[in-house]
Protein backbone atom coordinates (compact mmCIF):
# COMPACT_ATOMS: atom_id res chain seq x y z
CA UNK A 1 87.12 61.69 78.28
CA UNK A 2 86.74 61.00 81.98
CA UNK A 3 85.85 64.65 82.68
CA UNK A 4 83.30 64.56 79.88
CA UNK A 5 81.64 61.46 81.35
CA UNK A 6 81.56 62.99 84.83
CA UNK A 7 80.02 66.15 83.35
CA UNK A 8 77.31 64.12 81.59
CA UNK A 9 76.52 62.19 84.76
CA UNK A 10 76.30 65.42 86.78
CA UNK A 11 74.06 67.04 84.14
CA UNK A 12 71.76 64.01 84.09
CA UNK A 13 71.51 64.10 87.89
CA UNK A 14 70.55 67.80 87.86
CA UNK A 15 67.88 67.25 85.20
CA UNK A 16 66.38 64.28 87.06
CA UNK A 17 66.45 66.16 90.38
CA UNK A 18 64.66 69.15 88.85
CA UNK A 19 62.07 66.89 87.26
CA UNK A 20 61.42 65.18 90.59
CA UNK A 21 61.13 68.54 92.38
CA UNK A 22 58.74 69.83 89.68
CA UNK A 23 56.50 66.76 90.15
CA UNK A 24 56.55 67.23 93.91
CA UNK A 25 55.49 70.89 93.53
CA UNK A 26 52.79 69.97 91.00
CA UNK A 27 51.32 67.34 93.33
CA UNK A 28 51.40 69.76 96.29
CA UNK A 29 49.56 72.36 94.20
CA UNK A 30 46.95 69.76 93.17
CA UNK A 31 46.41 68.71 96.80
CA UNK A 32 45.94 72.36 97.82
CA UNK A 33 43.36 72.81 95.03
CA UNK A 34 41.49 69.70 96.20
CA UNK A 35 41.51 70.94 99.81
CA UNK A 36 40.19 74.32 98.64
CA UNK A 37 37.40 72.66 96.68
CA UNK A 38 36.43 70.41 99.60
CA UNK A 39 36.32 73.40 101.98
CA UNK A 40 33.35 74.68 99.95
CA UNK A 41 31.08 71.77 100.96
CA UNK A 42 28.58 72.18 103.77
CA UNK A 43 29.17 70.82 107.25
CA UNK A 44 26.48 68.21 106.46
CA UNK A 45 28.88 66.42 104.12
CA UNK A 46 31.24 64.09 105.98
CA UNK A 47 34.82 64.36 104.71
CA UNK A 48 37.29 61.47 105.05
CA UNK A 49 41.03 61.92 104.45
CA UNK A 50 42.93 58.69 103.88
CA UNK A 51 46.49 58.26 102.57
CA UNK A 52 46.34 61.04 99.97
CA UNK A 53 42.69 60.59 99.01
CA UNK A 54 39.78 62.80 100.04
CA UNK A 55 36.24 61.41 100.15
CA UNK A 56 33.25 63.72 100.45
CA UNK A 57 30.13 61.75 101.38
CA UNK A 58 27.19 63.08 99.40
CA UNK A 59 24.73 60.43 100.63
CA UNK A 60 25.41 58.14 103.57
CA UNK A 61 25.22 54.39 103.04
CA UNK A 62 22.49 52.16 104.38
CA UNK A 63 24.50 49.21 105.71
CA UNK A 64 26.38 48.74 108.95
CA UNK A 65 29.31 46.92 107.31
CA UNK A 66 32.06 48.96 105.70
CA UNK A 67 34.28 48.02 102.78
CA UNK A 68 37.54 46.31 103.81
CA UNK A 69 40.35 44.50 102.04
CA UNK A 70 39.20 41.12 100.69
CA UNK A 71 35.58 42.17 100.16
CA UNK A 72 34.02 42.19 96.71
CA UNK A 73 32.52 45.44 95.61
CA UNK A 74 29.85 46.26 93.03
CA UNK A 75 29.79 49.96 92.19
CA UNK A 76 28.92 52.64 89.68
CA UNK A 77 31.46 55.30 88.88
CA UNK A 78 32.17 58.32 86.76
CA UNK A 79 35.81 59.33 86.47
CA UNK A 80 36.76 62.93 85.74
CA UNK A 81 39.92 64.94 85.45
CA UNK A 82 39.83 67.15 88.55
CA UNK A 83 39.32 70.81 87.69
CA UNK A 84 38.15 72.38 90.96
CA UNK A 85 35.41 69.76 90.80
CA UNK A 86 34.23 67.59 87.95
CA UNK A 87 36.27 68.36 84.87
CA UNK A 88 36.37 66.28 81.70
CA UNK A 89 34.72 62.86 81.94
CA UNK A 90 37.11 60.06 80.95
CA UNK A 91 35.18 56.91 81.97
CA UNK A 92 31.83 55.82 83.40
CA UNK A 93 29.58 52.81 83.84
CA UNK A 94 26.54 54.69 85.15
CA UNK A 95 24.26 53.61 82.31
CA UNK A 96 25.38 49.97 82.45
CA UNK A 97 25.93 47.27 85.01
CA UNK A 98 27.87 47.90 88.21
CA UNK A 99 31.58 47.13 88.05
CA UNK A 100 32.63 44.19 90.25
CA UNK A 101 36.10 44.14 91.72
CA UNK A 102 37.84 42.51 94.65
CA UNK A 103 38.76 45.40 96.93
CA UNK A 104 42.47 45.66 97.56
CA UNK A 105 43.47 44.06 94.26
CA UNK A 106 46.22 45.54 92.13
CA UNK A 107 43.65 46.35 89.42
CA UNK A 108 42.77 49.60 91.21
CA UNK A 109 44.82 52.80 91.33
CA UNK A 110 46.09 53.77 94.77
CA UNK A 111 43.99 56.93 95.18
CA UNK A 112 40.76 55.11 94.45
CA UNK A 113 41.72 52.19 96.67
CA UNK A 114 42.47 54.57 99.56
CA UNK A 115 39.28 56.57 99.03
CA UNK A 116 36.93 53.58 98.84
CA UNK A 117 37.94 51.99 102.12
CA UNK A 118 35.21 52.38 104.71
CA UNK A 119 32.38 53.08 102.26
CA UNK A 120 29.01 51.37 102.80
CA UNK A 121 26.35 49.89 100.51
CA UNK A 122 24.20 52.71 99.16
CA UNK A 123 26.80 55.40 99.80
CA UNK A 124 27.46 58.04 97.15
CA UNK A 125 30.75 59.89 97.49
CA UNK A 126 33.19 62.04 95.61
CA UNK A 127 36.77 60.76 95.81
CA UNK A 128 39.61 63.07 94.78
CA UNK A 129 43.38 62.74 94.75
CA UNK A 130 46.47 64.22 93.13
CA UNK A 131 48.25 62.64 90.19
CA UNK A 132 50.68 61.10 92.67
CA UNK A 133 47.98 58.61 93.68
CA UNK A 134 46.56 58.23 90.17
CA UNK A 135 48.66 57.39 87.15
CA UNK A 136 51.68 59.43 88.20
CA UNK A 137 54.16 60.37 85.53
CA UNK A 138 52.62 58.20 82.79
CA UNK A 139 49.88 58.85 80.26
CA UNK A 140 46.97 56.43 80.66
CA UNK A 141 44.31 56.24 77.95
CA UNK A 142 43.12 59.84 77.50
CA UNK A 143 44.44 61.02 80.89
CA UNK A 144 47.57 63.20 80.76
CA UNK A 145 50.46 62.38 83.10
CA UNK A 146 50.45 63.85 86.63
CA UNK A 147 46.70 64.57 86.44
CA UNK A 148 44.54 64.90 89.57
CA UNK A 149 41.41 62.77 89.41
CA UNK A 150 37.82 63.04 90.66
CA UNK A 151 35.51 60.04 90.96
CA UNK A 152 31.77 60.06 91.65
CA UNK A 153 31.14 56.64 93.23
CA UNK A 154 27.94 54.89 94.30
CA UNK A 155 28.25 51.54 96.07
CA UNK A 156 25.66 49.04 94.86
CA UNK A 157 26.66 46.02 96.95
CA UNK A 158 29.47 44.75 99.17
CA UNK A 159 30.08 41.03 99.66
CA UNK A 160 32.16 40.52 102.81
CA UNK A 161 35.37 38.47 102.46
CA UNK A 162 34.29 37.08 99.09
CA UNK A 163 36.34 33.99 98.19
């Protein structure tokens, strides 16, 4: 019985290790695809790499102040599944009111949080990141697990250190 239990524990460890290695390889492949896509933009587009997120500035902002933790942010977005650019649309508020959120709150996925930092009012950017910085190994709404994401973001207004 003891041998059987040890065998089961060893088998479980191997399965979990393989799964973790597969995720790591998947995320690395996604990041390489994002880098390849970004390399196709012109030198006129500023590219910002920050903690696993890539932001390609399509239109520079008009304000001097940049978005920092604690600021409130009003923005328009379209969220896509990354497929060497904009893939399937999964959410948007472009035809409605801007979304308001306190920047740095837990209500935002890590990849988006990392990509937004430093944006300015009026800026339009593409923010991309691997599934590691999105929803990871869980299915969220109509987004499959381990899916790389692409956001088209336009900042409407930033309120500094909004209480």
